[in-house]
Amino acid sequence: MLASFILLLAAAPLPPCPVVPPPAVQFAPGEQLKFRLDLLGADVGTFDVSLEHAPSSERAALAVRARARTSAFVATNMGRYEVFATSLLGKDLRPVKYREEVDEGQTHKTLEVRFPPSGGKLPIAATKDGNPDPVELDAGPTARDMLSTLYLLRGQAPGRSVCADVYSGRKVWRLEGNVAAREEIETPLGKFNTLRFDGTATRLDDPNVKRSAHVWVSDDDRRLPLVAIGEVKGKTIRAQLVEATGGSARAAAPQRKSSATRESPRVGAAIGR
């Protein structure tokens, strides 16, 4: 009886997220970011992101374009994996539409998601090798894609909590955490004072599946995403920013300076090296 009760609790749907706080900064088109991906120090691929004006034909203000691909070694020994993705955002950085094309080995997949969800479901159109590939996913009103989530986290003020349903890898994850810790870290671009986001991602369709996520952003006007560490398909992947050009960020509204002193750097805080 007790075991059955525990199983029912585990299967219960997660309550809706509260409204996500608006970003504390605004980002300008023209930014280009290049990341190196590694697994336990071994090069596994690259991830490039650019922020542009949205096409005039779309009901959006900004377009985040991204390309991720495996390294030559991984492609040769484990198979090719390449993703092209675009997220169209409103002025408040809320997603309007997300589209991705994925080449995994010889298989080509496309997927387009529109936001916000309708009737608790994400409106999705997907194909596999040119044929319809039905995908049905539950999501709450705060749902967004991974690219828009990157800018959401970068724009949060210290101390704010974040809760959002995030589409990634044909699943929806409940991301919960906060931007609180301040620390100095060493990265491929040098030493930075940073804000650290610590979060947990829980699969909406299986609350027993959880992943931890950590993101370090520069504690300055640009809020550069310097390092991100998370689990992908059971492996811990680190993304390190190796190049950042163009663009700028500014405060969305005057922020009162905190009187709290910054934390001392942690031992072994050379996260980016």
C-alpha atoms as a PDB file:
ATOM      1  CA  MET A   1       0.000   0.000   0.000  1.00  0.00           C
ATOM      2  CA  LEU A   2       2.777   2.416   0.966  1.00  0.00           C
ATOM      3  CA  ALA A   3       4.751   1.579  -2.195  1.00  0.00           C
ATOM      4  CA  SER A   4       1.682   2.301  -4.350  1.00  0.00           C
ATOM      5  CA  PHE A   5       1.172   5.650  -2.593  1.00  0.00           C
ATOM      6  CA  ILE A   6       4.809   6.606  -3.222  1.00  0.00           C
ATOM      7  CA  LEU A   7       4.455   5.709  -6.907  1.00  0.00           C
ATOM      8  CA  LEU A   8       1.350   7.888  -7.175  1.00  0.00           C
ATOM      9  CA  LEU A   9       3.215  10.821  -5.640  1.00  0.00           C
ATOM     10  CA  ALA A  10       6.133  10.342  -8.032  1.00  0.00           C
ATOM     11  CA  ALA A  11       3.763  10.323 -10.997  1.00  0.00           C
ATOM     12  CA  ALA A  12       1.841  13.437  -9.896  1.00  0.00           C
ATOM     13  CA  PRO A  13       2.269  16.389 -12.286  1.00  0.00           C
ATOM     14  CA  LEU A  14       4.424  19.293 -11.147  1.00  0.00           C
ATOM     15  CA  PRO A  15       2.517  22.449 -10.166  1.00  0.00           C
ATOM     16  CA  PRO A  16       2.702  25.380 -12.616  1.00  0.00           C
ATOM     17  CA  CYS A  17       5.663  27.741 -12.336  1.00  0.00           C
ATOM     18  CA  PRO A  18       5.044  31.271 -11.066  1.00  0.00           C
ATOM     19  CA  VAL A  19       5.529  34.102 -13.561  1.00  0.00           C
ATOM     20  CA  VAL A  20       9.191  34.397 -14.569  1.00  0.00           C
ATOM     21  CA  PRO A  21      10.714  37.720 -13.457  1.00  0.00           C
ATOM     22  CA  PRO A  22      11.460  40.096 -16.340  1.00  0.00           C
ATOM     23  CA  PRO A  23      15.143  40.336 -17.263  1.00  0.00           C
ATOM     24  CA  ALA A  24      17.170  42.937 -15.372  1.00  0.00           C
ATOM     25  CA  VAL A  25      19.148  43.792 -18.524  1.00  0.00           C
ATOM     26  CA  GLN A  26      18.385  44.193 -22.213  1.00  0.00           C
ATOM     27  CA  PHE A  27      20.547  42.741 -24.986  1.00  0.00           C
ATOM     28  CA  ALA A  28      21.279  44.407 -28.323  1.00  0.00           C
ATOM     29  CA  PRO A  29      21.524  42.657 -31.715  1.00  0.00           C
ATOM     30  CA  GLY A  30      24.999  42.045 -33.096  1.00  0.00           C
ATOM     31  CA  GLU A  31      26.380  39.814 -30.365  1.00  0.00           C
ATOM     32  CA  GLN A  32      28.269  36.693 -31.472  1.00  0.00           C
ATOM     33  CA  LEU A  33      29.390  34.041 -29.015  1.00  0.00           C
ATOM     34  CA  LYS A  34      31.570  30.987 -29.615  1.00  0.00           C
ATOM     35  CA  PHE A  35      31.793  28.121 -27.143  1.00  0.00           C
ATOM     36  CA  ARG A  36      33.998  25.056 -26.884  1.00  0.00           C
ATOM     37  CA  LEU A  37      32.345  21.886 -25.587  1.00  0.00           C
ATOM     38  CA  ASP A  38      34.272  19.301 -23.627  1.00  0.00           C
ATOM     39  CA  LEU A  39      33.701  16.098 -21.685  1.00  0.00           C
ATOM     40  CA  LEU A  40      36.195  15.584 -18.851  1.00  0.00           C
ATOM     41  CA  GLY A  41      38.595  17.864 -20.711  1.00  0.00           C
ATOM     42  CA  ALA A  42      38.232  16.066 -24.053  1.00  0.00           C
ATOM     43  CA  ASP A  43      37.070  18.234 -26.963  1.00  0.00           C
ATOM     44  CA  VAL A  44      33.644  17.067 -28.154  1.00  0.00           C
ATOM     45  CA  GLY A  45      32.352  19.971 -30.254  1.00  0.00           C
ATOM     46  CA  THR A  46      31.452  23.619 -30.658  1.00  0.00           C
ATOM     47  CA  PHE A  47      28.419  25.803 -30.037  1.00  0.00           C
ATOM     48  CA  ASP A  48      27.967  29.198 -31.721  1.00  0.00           C
ATOM     49  CA  VAL A  49      25.250  31.731 -30.870  1.00  0.00           C
ATOM     50  CA  SER A  50      24.353  35.060 -32.470  1.00  0.00           C
ATOM     51  CA  LEU A  51      21.724  37.659 -31.587  1.00  0.00           C
ATOM     52  CA  GLU A  52      20.125  39.449 -34.536  1.00  0.00           C
ATOM     53  CA  HIS A  53      17.116  41.537 -35.480  1.00  0.00           C
ATOM     54  CA  ALA A  54      14.139  39.296 -36.239  1.00  0.00           C
ATOM     55  CA  PRO A  55      12.990  39.146 -39.881  1.00  0.00           C
ATOM     56  CA  SER A  56      10.405  41.823 -40.645  1.00  0.00           C
ATOM     57  CA  SER A  57       7.963  39.095 -41.682  1.00  0.00           C
ATOM     58  CA  GLU A  58       7.881  37.700 -38.135  1.00  0.00           C
ATOM     59  CA  ARG A  59       6.004  39.036 -35.129  1.00  0.00           C
ATOM     60  CA  ALA A  60       9.163  39.223 -33.023  1.00  0.00           C
ATOM     61  CA  ALA A  61      11.906  41.683 -32.094  1.00  0.00           C
ATOM     62  CA  LEU A  62      14.999  39.473 -31.849  1.00  0.00           C
ATOM     63  CA  ALA A  63      16.326  36.276 -33.383  1.00  0.00           C
ATOM     64  CA  VAL A  64      18.783  33.998 -31.594  1.00  0.00           C
ATOM     65  CA  ARG A  65      20.550  31.721 -34.051  1.00  0.00           C
ATOM     66  CA  ALA A  66      22.698  28.797 -32.962  1.00  0.00           C
ATOM     67  CA  ARG A  67      24.751  25.992 -34.421  1.00  0.00           C
ATOM     68  CA  ALA A  68      26.102  23.037 -32.448  1.00  0.00           C
ATOM     69  CA  ARG A  69      28.213  20.272 -33.915  1.00  0.00           C
ATOM     70  CA  THR A  70      30.438  17.455 -32.786  1.00  0.00           C
ATOM     71  CA  SER A  71      34.194  17.544 -33.256  1.00  0.00           C
ATOM     72  CA  ALA A  72      35.838  15.618 -36.094  1.00  0.00           C
ATOM     73  CA  PHE A  73      37.028  12.942 -33.654  1.00  0.00           C
ATOM     74  CA  VAL A  74      33.567  12.381 -32.170  1.00  0.00           C
ATOM     75  CA  ALA A  75      31.924  12.429 -35.606  1.00  0.00           C
ATOM     76  CA  THR A  76      34.374   9.812 -36.886  1.00  0.00           C
ATOM     77  CA  ASN A  77      34.229   7.495 -33.888  1.00  0.00           C
ATOM     78  CA  MET A  78      30.727   8.001 -32.464  1.00  0.00           C
ATOM     79  CA  GLY A  79      28.701   9.552 -35.266  1.00  0.00           C
ATOM     80  CA  ARG A  80      27.942  12.998 -36.631  1.00  0.00           C
ATOM     81  CA  TYR A  81      25.579  15.279 -34.758  1.00  0.00           C
ATOM     82  CA  GLU A  82      24.793  18.813 -35.907  1.00  0.00           C
ATOM     83  CA  VAL A  83      21.996  21.210 -34.959  1.00  0.00           C
ATOM     84  CA  PHE A  84      20.868  24.492 -36.510  1.00  0.00           C
ATOM     85  CA  ALA A  85      18.346  26.352 -34.350  1.00  0.00           C
ATOM     86  CA  THR A  86      16.574  29.704 -34.314  1.00  0.00           C
ATOM     87  CA  SER A  87      14.526  31.225 -31.509  1.00  0.00           C
ATOM     88  CA  LEU A  88      12.397  34.291 -32.232  1.00  0.00           C
ATOM     89  CA  LEU A  89      11.892  36.491 -29.170  1.00  0.00           C
ATOM     90  CA  GLY A  90       9.743  39.416 -28.185  1.00  0.00           C
ATOM     91  CA  LYS A  91      11.198  42.568 -26.620  1.00  0.00           C
ATOM     92  CA  ASP A  92      10.708  40.981 -23.193  1.00  0.00           C
ATOM     93  CA  LEU A  93      12.825  37.972 -24.303  1.00  0.00           C
ATOM     94  CA  ARG A  94       9.804  35.673 -24.252  1.00  0.00           C
ATOM     95  CA  PRO A  95       9.904  33.130 -27.113  1.00  0.00           C
ATOM     96  CA  VAL A  96       7.512  33.411 -30.031  1.00  0.00           C
ATOM     97  CA  LYS A  97       8.721  30.561 -32.221  1.00  0.00           C
ATOM     98  CA  TYR A  98      11.551  28.029 -32.102  1.00  0.00           C
ATOM     99  CA  ARG A  99      12.806  25.973 -35.029  1.00  0.00           C
ATOM    100  CA  GLU A 100      15.584  23.392 -35.227  1.00  0.00           C
ATOM    101  CA  GLU A 101      17.105  21.108 -37.840  1.00  0.00           C
ATOM    102  CA  VAL A 102      19.081  18.136 -36.583  1.00  0.00           C
ATOM    103  CA  ASP A 103      21.405  15.850 -38.521  1.00  0.00           C
ATOM    104  CA  GLU A 104      22.178  12.737 -36.500  1.00  0.00           C
ATOM    105  CA  GLY A 105      24.172  10.314 -38.587  1.00  0.00           C
ATOM    106  CA  GLN A 106      22.127   9.870 -41.775  1.00  0.00           C
ATOM    107  CA  THR A 107      18.872  10.964 -40.137  1.00  0.00           C
ATOM    108  CA  HIS A 108      17.513  14.482 -40.695  1.00  0.00           C
ATOM    109  CA  LYS A 109      14.901  15.877 -38.302  1.00  0.00           C
ATOM    110  CA  THR A 110      13.084  19.208 -38.206  1.00  0.00           C
ATOM    111  CA  LEU A 111      10.901  20.664 -35.508  1.00  0.00           C
ATOM    112  CA  GLU A 112       9.014  23.926 -35.032  1.00  0.00           C
ATOM    113  CA  VAL A 113       7.457  25.008 -31.739  1.00  0.00           C
ATOM    114  CA  ARG A 114       5.199  28.002 -31.184  1.00  0.00           C
ATOM    115  CA  PHE A 115       4.775  29.792 -27.875  1.00  0.00           C
ATOM    116  CA  PRO A 116       2.953  30.130 -25.573  1.00  0.00           C
ATOM    117  CA  PRO A 117       1.456  26.650 -25.099  1.00  0.00           C
ATOM    118  CA  SER A 118      -2.186  26.108 -25.988  1.00  0.00           C
ATOM    119  CA  GLY A 119      -4.372  24.073 -23.661  1.00  0.00           C
ATOM    120  CA  GLY A 120      -1.337  22.865 -21.719  1.00  0.00           C
ATOM    121  CA  LYS A 121       0.322  21.514 -24.888  1.00  0.00           C
ATOM    122  CA  LEU A 122       3.147  22.882 -27.028  1.00  0.00           C
ATOM    123  CA  PRO A 123       2.058  23.418 -30.658  1.00  0.00           C
ATOM    124  CA  ILE A 124       4.675  21.340 -32.501  1.00  0.00           C
ATOM    125  CA  ALA A 125       5.220  20.422 -36.155  1.00  0.00           C
ATOM    126  CA  ALA A 126       7.993  17.868 -36.681  1.00  0.00           C
ATOM    127  CA  THR A 127       9.433  15.692 -39.456  1.00  0.00           C
ATOM    128  CA  LYS A 128      11.903  12.824 -39.730  1.00  0.00           C
ATOM    129  CA  ASP A 129      13.614  12.363 -43.099  1.00  0.00           C
ATOM    130  CA  GLY A 130      10.862  14.448 -44.680  1.00  0.00           C
ATOM    131  CA  ASN A 131       7.989  12.476 -43.177  1.00  0.00           C
ATOM    132  CA  PRO A 132       5.609  13.681 -40.434  1.00  0.00           C
ATOM    133  CA  ASP A 133       6.918  12.757 -36.995  1.00  0.00           C
ATOM    134  CA  PRO A 134       4.206  13.511 -34.395  1.00  0.00           C
ATOM    135  CA  VAL A 135       5.496  14.956 -31.114  1.00  0.00           C
ATOM    136  CA  GLU A 136       3.149  15.789 -28.237  1.00  0.00           C
ATOM    137  CA  LEU A 137       4.494  17.533 -25.133  1.00  0.00           C
ATOM    138  CA  ASP A 138       2.807  18.995 -22.060  1.00  0.00           C
ATOM    139  CA  ALA A 139       4.009  22.400 -20.883  1.00  0.00           C
ATOM    140  CA  GLY A 140       2.947  25.204 -18.590  1.00  0.00           C
ATOM    141  CA  PRO A 141       2.422  28.875 -19.478  1.00  0.00           C
ATOM    142  CA  THR A 142       6.075  29.734 -18.708  1.00  0.00           C
ATOM    143  CA  ALA A 143       7.387  27.346 -21.385  1.00  0.00           C
ATOM    144  CA  ARG A 144      10.338  28.435 -23.506  1.00  0.00           C
ATOM    145  CA  ASP A 145      13.180  26.919 -25.539  1.00  0.00           C
ATOM    146  CA  MET A 146      16.851  26.508 -24.579  1.00  0.00           C
ATOM    147  CA  LEU A 147      18.095  29.549 -26.521  1.00  0.00           C
ATOM    148  CA  SER A 148      15.618  31.963 -24.975  1.00  0.00           C
ATOM    149  CA  THR A 149      16.413  30.407 -21.578  1.00  0.00           C
ATOM    150  CA  LEU A 150      20.082  31.310 -22.025  1.00  0.00           C
ATOM    151  CA  TYR A 151      19.168  34.997 -22.343  1.00  0.00           C
ATOM    152  CA  LEU A 152      16.629  34.741 -19.527  1.00  0.00           C
ATOM    153  CA  LEU A 153      19.292  33.454 -17.123  1.00  0.00           C
ATOM    154  CA  ARG A 154      21.824  36.052 -18.259  1.00  0.00           C
ATOM    155  CA  GLY A 155      19.363  38.850 -17.595  1.00  0.00           C
ATOM    156  CA  GLN A 156      18.290  37.900 -14.073  1.00  0.00           C
ATOM    157  CA  ALA A 157      19.162  40.064 -11.076  1.00  0.00           C
ATOM    158  CA  PRO A 158      21.115  38.451  -8.206  1.00  0.00           C
ATOM    159  CA  GLY A 159      18.879  36.722  -5.701  1.00  0.00           C
ATOM    160  CA  ARG A 160      16.018  36.077  -8.098  1.00  0.00           C
ATOM    161  CA  SER A 161      14.528  32.632  -8.454  1.00  0.00           C
ATOM    162  CA  VAL A 162      13.788  31.141 -11.857  1.00  0.00           C
ATOM    163  CA  CYS A 163      11.149  28.565 -12.729  1.00  0.00           C
ATOM    164  CA  ALA A 164      10.323  27.670 -16.333  1.00  0.00           C
ATOM    165  CA  ASP A 165       9.345  24.718 -18.490  1.00  0.00           C
ATOM    166  CA  VAL A 166      12.126  24.376 -21.067  1.00  0.00           C
ATOM    167  CA  TYR A 167      11.945  22.476 -24.356  1.00  0.00           C
ATOM    168  CA  SER A 168      15.144  20.554 -25.123  1.00  0.00           C
ATOM    169  CA  GLY A 169      15.815  17.367 -27.055  1.00  0.00           C
ATOM    170  CA  ARG A 170      12.136  16.633 -27.749  1.00  0.00           C
ATOM    171  CA  LYS A 171      11.364  16.716 -24.041  1.00  0.00           C
ATOM    172  CA  VAL A 172      10.142  19.440 -21.681  1.00  0.00           C
ATOM    173  CA  TRP A 173      12.078  20.011 -18.487  1.00  0.00           C
ATOM    174  CA  ARG A 174      11.066  21.991 -15.401  1.00  0.00           C
ATOM    175  CA  LEU A 175      14.072  24.218 -14.665  1.00  0.00           C
ATOM    176  CA  GLU A 176      14.202  25.632 -11.135  1.00  0.00           C
ATOM    177  CA  GLY A 177      17.023  27.548  -9.476  1.00  0.00           C
ATOM    178  CA  ASN A 178      18.335  30.961  -8.611  1.00  0.00           C
ATOM    179  CA  VAL A 179      21.080  33.438  -9.414  1.00  0.00           C
ATOM    180  CA  ALA A 180      22.802  34.059  -6.119  1.00  0.00           C
ATOM    181  CA  ALA A 181      26.430  33.080  -5.731  1.00  0.00           C
ATOM    182  CA  ARG A 182      29.140  35.617  -6.604  1.00  0.00           C
ATOM    183  CA  GLU A 183      32.645  34.331  -7.239  1.00  0.00           C
ATOM    184  CA  GLU A 184      35.757  34.907  -9.287  1.00  0.00           C
ATOM    185  CA  ILE A 185      36.590  32.238 -11.841  1.00  0.00           C
ATOM    186  CA  GLU A 186      39.293  31.735 -14.447  1.00  0.00           C
ATOM    187  CA  THR A 187      38.182  31.059 -18.034  1.00  0.00           C
ATOM    188  CA  PRO A 188      39.810  30.827 -21.480  1.00  0.00           C
ATOM    189  CA  LEU A 189      39.083  34.569 -21.797  1.00  0.00           C
ATOM    190  CA  GLY A 190      40.705  35.436 -18.462  1.00  0.00           C
ATOM    191  CA  LYS A 191      39.535  36.005 -14.890  1.00  0.00           C
ATOM    192  CA  PHE A 192      36.038  37.321 -14.259  1.00  0.00           C
ATOM    193  CA  ASN A 193      33.845  38.254 -11.333  1.00  0.00           C
ATOM    194  CA  THR A 194      30.684  36.250 -11.951  1.00  0.00           C
ATOM    195  CA  LEU A 195      27.139  35.499 -10.900  1.00  0.00           C
ATOM    196  CA  ARG A 196      26.371  31.791 -10.694  1.00  0.00           C
ATOM    197  CA  PHE A 197      23.044  30.161 -11.469  1.00  0.00           C
ATOM    198  CA  ASP A 198      22.454  26.820  -9.757  1.00  0.00           C
ATOM    199  CA  GLY A 199      19.478  24.853 -10.919  1.00  0.00           C
ATOM    200  CA  THR A 200      17.805  21.485 -11.308  1.00  0.00           C
ATOM    201  CA  ALA A 201      15.978  20.286 -14.423  1.00  0.00           C
ATOM    202  CA  THR A 202      13.202  17.729 -13.949  1.00  0.00           C
ATOM    203  CA  ARG A 203      11.503  15.984 -16.863  1.00  0.00           C
ATOM    204  CA  LEU A 204       7.802  16.809 -16.882  1.00  0.00           C
ATOM    205  CA  ASP A 205       6.843  13.378 -18.212  1.00  0.00           C
ATOM    206  CA  ASP A 206       9.040  11.573 -15.659  1.00  0.00           C
ATOM    207  CA  PRO A 207       9.745  13.493 -12.416  1.00  0.00           C
ATOM    208  CA  ASN A 208      12.238  10.794 -11.399  1.00  0.00           C
ATOM    209  CA  VAL A 209      14.634  12.026 -14.092  1.00  0.00           C
ATOM    210  CA  LYS A 210      16.566  15.026 -12.815  1.00  0.00           C
ATOM    211  CA  ARG A 211      19.641  16.881 -14.053  1.00  0.00           C
ATOM    212  CA  SER A 212      21.727  19.564 -12.381  1.00  0.00           C
ATOM    213  CA  ALA A 213      22.776  22.711 -14.231  1.00  0.00           C
ATOM    214  CA  HIS A 214      25.198  25.531 -13.419  1.00  0.00           C
ATOM    215  CA  VAL A 215      25.826  28.701 -15.417  1.00  0.00           C
ATOM    216  CA  TRP A 216      28.379  31.425 -14.697  1.00  0.00           C
ATOM    217  CA  VAL A 217      27.765  34.880 -16.225  1.00  0.00           C
ATOM    218  CA  SER A 218      30.050  37.892 -15.965  1.00  0.00           C
ATOM    219  CA  ASP A 219      29.067  40.310 -13.203  1.00  0.00           C
ATOM    220  CA  ASP A 220      29.093  43.356 -15.472  1.00  0.00           C
ATOM    221  CA  ASP A 221      26.934  45.094 -18.072  1.00  0.00           C
ATOM    222  CA  ARG A 222      27.503  42.432 -20.753  1.00  0.00           C
ATOM    223  CA  ARG A 223      26.463  39.450 -18.631  1.00  0.00           C
ATOM    224  CA  LEU A 224      28.553  37.146 -20.793  1.00  0.00           C
ATOM    225  CA  PRO A 225      27.709  33.433 -20.379  1.00  0.00           C
ATOM    226  CA  LEU A 226      31.245  32.323 -19.538  1.00  0.00           C
ATOM    227  CA  VAL A 227      30.758  28.699 -18.491  1.00  0.00           C
ATOM    228  CA  ALA A 228      27.860  26.260 -18.352  1.00  0.00           C
ATOM    229  CA  ILE A 229      27.951  22.754 -16.915  1.00  0.00           C
ATOM    230  CA  GLY A 230      25.116  20.287 -17.327  1.00  0.00           C
ATOM    231  CA  GLU A 231      24.195  16.696 -18.048  1.00  0.00           C
ATOM    232  CA  VAL A 232      23.467  15.638 -21.634  1.00  0.00           C
ATOM    233  CA  LYS A 233      22.400  12.060 -22.305  1.00  0.00           C
ATOM    234  CA  GLY A 234      23.918  10.931 -19.013  1.00  0.00           C
ATOM    235  CA  LYS A 235      27.239  12.715 -19.505  1.00  0.00           C
ATOM    236  CA  THR A 236      28.445  15.948 -17.910  1.00  0.00           C
ATOM    237  CA  ILE A 237      29.273  18.470 -20.630  1.00  0.00           C
ATOM    238  CA  ARG A 238      31.038  21.788 -20.082  1.00  0.00           C
ATOM    239  CA  ALA A 239      30.629  24.744 -22.437  1.00  0.00           C
ATOM    240  CA  GLN A 240      33.304  27.450 -22.226  1.00  0.00           C
ATOM    241  CA  LEU A 241      33.068  30.815 -23.943  1.00  0.00           C
ATOM    242  CA  VAL A 242      36.167  31.271 -26.103  1.00  0.00           C
ATOM    243  CA  GLU A 243      35.154  34.318 -28.184  1.00  0.00           C
ATOM    244  CA  ALA A 244      32.625  37.150 -27.792  1.00  0.00           C
ATOM    245  CA  THR A 245      32.203  39.983 -30.279  1.00  0.00           C
ATOM    246  CA  GLY A 246      29.677  42.746 -30.994  1.00  0.00           C
ATOM    247  CA  GLY A 247      26.506  43.546 -29.132  1.00  0.00           C
ATOM    248  CA  SER A 248      26.015  45.140 -25.754  1.00  0.00           C
ATOM    249  CA  ALA A 249      23.725  44.974 -22.766  1.00  0.00           C
ATOM    250  CA  ARG A 250      22.261  47.656 -20.540  1.00  0.00           C
ATOM    251  CA  ALA A 251      20.188  47.766 -17.405  1.00  0.00           C
ATOM    252  CA  ALA A 252      16.473  47.470 -18.075  1.00  0.00           C
ATOM    253  CA  ALA A 253      15.789  49.658 -15.038  1.00  0.00           C
ATOM    254  CA  PRO A 254      17.925  51.295 -12.335  1.00  0.00           C
ATOM    255  CA  GLN A 255      19.059  48.714  -9.831  1.00  0.00           C
ATOM    256  CA  ARG A 256      19.820  49.548  -6.201  1.00  0.00           C
ATOM    257  CA  LYS A 257      23.350  48.506  -5.333  1.00  0.00           C
ATOM    258  CA  SER A 258      23.637  45.798  -2.738  1.00  0.00           C
ATOM    259  CA  SER A 259      25.645  46.515   0.392  1.00  0.00           C
ATOM    260  CA  ALA A 260      26.610  42.868   0.743  1.00  0.00           C
ATOM    261  CA  THR A 261      30.251  42.040   0.246  1.00  0.00           C
ATOM    262  CA  ARG A 262      31.259  39.593  -2.435  1.00  0.00           C
ATOM    263  CA  GLU A 263      32.215  36.075  -1.568  1.00  0.00           C
ATOM    264  CA  SER A 264      35.844  35.053  -1.734  1.00  0.00           C
ATOM    265  CA  PRO A 265      36.824  32.823  -4.664  1.00  0.00           C
ATOM    266  CA  ARG A 266      36.322  29.161  -3.918  1.00  0.00           C
ATOM    267  CA  VAL A 267      39.228  26.767  -3.837  1.00  0.00           C
ATOM    268  CA  GLY A 268      39.548  25.240  -7.285  1.00  0.00           C
ATOM    269  CA  ALA A 269      37.341  27.902  -8.860  1.00  0.00           C
ATOM    270  CA  ALA A 270      39.220  27.866 -12.160  1.00  0.00           C
ATOM    271  CA  ILE A 271      36.049  26.539 -13.728  1.00  0.00           C
ATOM    272  CA  GLY A 272      36.856  27.560 -17.257  1.00  0.00           C
ATOM    273  CA  ARG A 273      40.261  25.929 -17.543  1.00  0.00           C
END
